[in-house]
Amino acid sequence: MNGYTASTSQAPSRPLYRATHDPTGPATLSTTVIHALADCMGVDVTDSRVSLYDTVDPGALDELFRPRHDGTPRAGGTLSFVVNGHHVTVSGDGEILIEPPTRR
């Protein structure tokens, strides 16, 4: 298990992929985002199209939402970025939303 749960909901105009990061699990947040993107894109996680490095520093992403030194969670906040046309929003509560590009 990768430390997250995922689902897809169909909005009238576009699908929205949802995943949840488990901060007490073995995976880092950046790893969870990579796995969620691969699932959403329908590709293997080792596919070269699934990379955060051109968009966001994975280590900085992990640090941004890491619990405080005393174990208490960070207070809210979100970070949004685009990977291969997929709009990704990561929330401080562990929610990851991925909106695939519009097909034309």
Protein backbone atom coordinates (compact mmCIF):
# COMPACT_ATOMS: atom_id res chain seq x y z
CA MET A 1 0.00 0.00 0.00
CA ASN A 2 1.22 3.48 -0.84
CA GLY A 3 -0.31 5.24 2.16
CA TYR A 4 -3.18 6.86 0.29
CA THR A 5 -6.71 6.29 -0.90
CA ALA A 6 -8.01 7.45 -4.25
CA SER A 7 -11.25 7.93 -6.14
CA THR A 8 -12.53 9.60 -9.29
CA SER A 9 -15.64 11.72 -9.45
CA GLN A 10 -17.24 12.82 -12.66
CA ALA A 11 -18.27 16.46 -12.78
CA PRO A 12 -20.48 17.64 -15.63
CA SER A 13 -17.47 19.00 -17.53
CA ARG A 14 -14.38 17.15 -16.27
CA PRO A 15 -13.37 14.23 -14.08
CA LEU A 16 -11.69 15.08 -10.79
CA TYR A 17 -9.29 12.58 -9.27
CA ARG A 18 -9.04 12.61 -5.46
CA ALA A 19 -6.39 11.01 -3.31
CA THR A 20 -5.62 11.28 0.38
CA HIS A 21 -2.13 11.20 1.84
CA ASP A 22 -1.67 9.41 5.17
CA PRO A 23 0.97 11.40 7.08
CA THR A 24 1.44 8.49 9.51
CA GLY A 25 2.06 6.03 6.66
CA PRO A 26 5.39 5.00 5.14
CA ALA A 27 5.17 7.20 2.01
CA THR A 28 6.23 10.82 1.76
CA LEU A 29 3.72 13.34 0.43
CA SER A 30 5.65 13.72 -2.82
CA THR A 31 5.59 9.94 -3.32
CA THR A 32 1.83 9.91 -2.74
CA VAL A 33 1.40 12.71 -5.30
CA ILE A 34 3.51 10.77 -7.85
CA HIS A 35 1.45 7.60 -7.32
CA ALA A 36 -1.81 9.54 -7.57
CA LEU A 37 -0.67 11.22 -10.79
CA ALA A 38 0.36 7.87 -12.29
CA ASP A 39 -3.02 6.37 -11.35
CA CYS A 40 -4.86 9.36 -12.81
CA MET A 41 -2.81 9.24 -16.02
CA GLY A 42 -3.21 5.47 -16.32
CA VAL A 43 0.53 4.86 -16.51
CA ASP A 44 3.11 2.99 -14.46
CA VAL A 45 4.59 5.06 -11.66
CA THR A 46 8.05 4.61 -13.22
CA ASP A 47 6.90 6.20 -16.50
CA SER A 48 9.13 9.19 -17.26
CA ARG A 49 6.05 11.40 -17.82
CA VAL A 50 5.32 11.26 -14.08
CA SER A 51 7.82 13.62 -12.48
CA LEU A 52 7.53 16.57 -10.13
CA TYR A 53 11.07 17.89 -10.63
CA ASP A 54 10.21 20.23 -13.52
CA THR A 55 7.35 21.79 -11.55
CA VAL A 56 7.95 21.59 -7.80
CA ASP A 57 10.80 20.44 -5.56
CA PRO A 58 9.59 17.14 -4.03
CA GLY A 59 11.62 17.69 -0.85
CA ALA A 60 10.16 21.16 -0.38
CA LEU A 61 6.65 19.74 -0.92
CA ASP A 62 7.30 17.13 1.79
CA GLU A 63 8.56 19.80 4.19
CA LEU A 64 5.76 22.26 3.48
CA PHE A 65 3.04 20.03 4.93
CA ARG A 66 5.11 17.95 7.36
CA PRO A 67 3.74 17.95 10.94
CA ARG A 68 5.47 20.27 13.40
CA HIS A 69 8.30 18.91 15.55
CA ASP A 70 5.85 18.25 18.41
CA GLY A 71 3.67 16.15 16.03
CA THR A 72 0.80 18.60 15.64
CA PRO A 73 -0.40 19.13 12.07
CA ARG A 74 0.29 22.29 10.12
CA ALA A 75 -2.64 24.69 9.91
CA GLY A 76 -4.28 24.33 6.50
CA GLY A 77 -2.94 25.80 3.32
CA THR A 78 -2.82 24.57 -0.26
CA LEU A 79 -0.30 24.39 -3.06
CA SER A 80 -1.30 24.12 -6.71
CA PHE A 81 0.86 23.26 -9.69
CA VAL A 82 0.59 21.67 -13.14
CA VAL A 83 2.25 18.43 -14.26
CA ASN A 84 1.80 17.41 -17.90
CA GLY A 85 -1.39 19.45 -18.14
CA HIS A 86 -2.83 17.93 -14.96
CA HIS A 87 -3.76 20.57 -12.39
CA VAL A 88 -2.70 19.29 -8.96
CA THR A 89 -3.81 20.84 -5.67
CA VAL A 90 -2.33 19.55 -2.42
CA SER A 91 -3.93 20.56 0.88
CA GLY A 92 -2.42 20.62 4.33
CA ASP A 93 -5.01 18.08 5.47
CA GLY A 94 -3.61 15.47 3.04
CA GLU A 95 -6.18 15.86 0.27
CA ILE A 96 -4.79 15.73 -3.28
CA LEU A 97 -7.02 16.83 -6.16
CA ILE A 98 -5.99 16.22 -9.76
CA GLU A 99 -7.87 17.66 -12.69
CA PRO A 100 -6.80 16.09 -16.00
CA PRO A 101 -6.36 18.32 -19.04
CA THR A 102 -9.41 19.01 -21.18
CA ARG A 103 -9.57 16.80 -24.24
CA ARG A 104 -10.31 18.64 -27.45
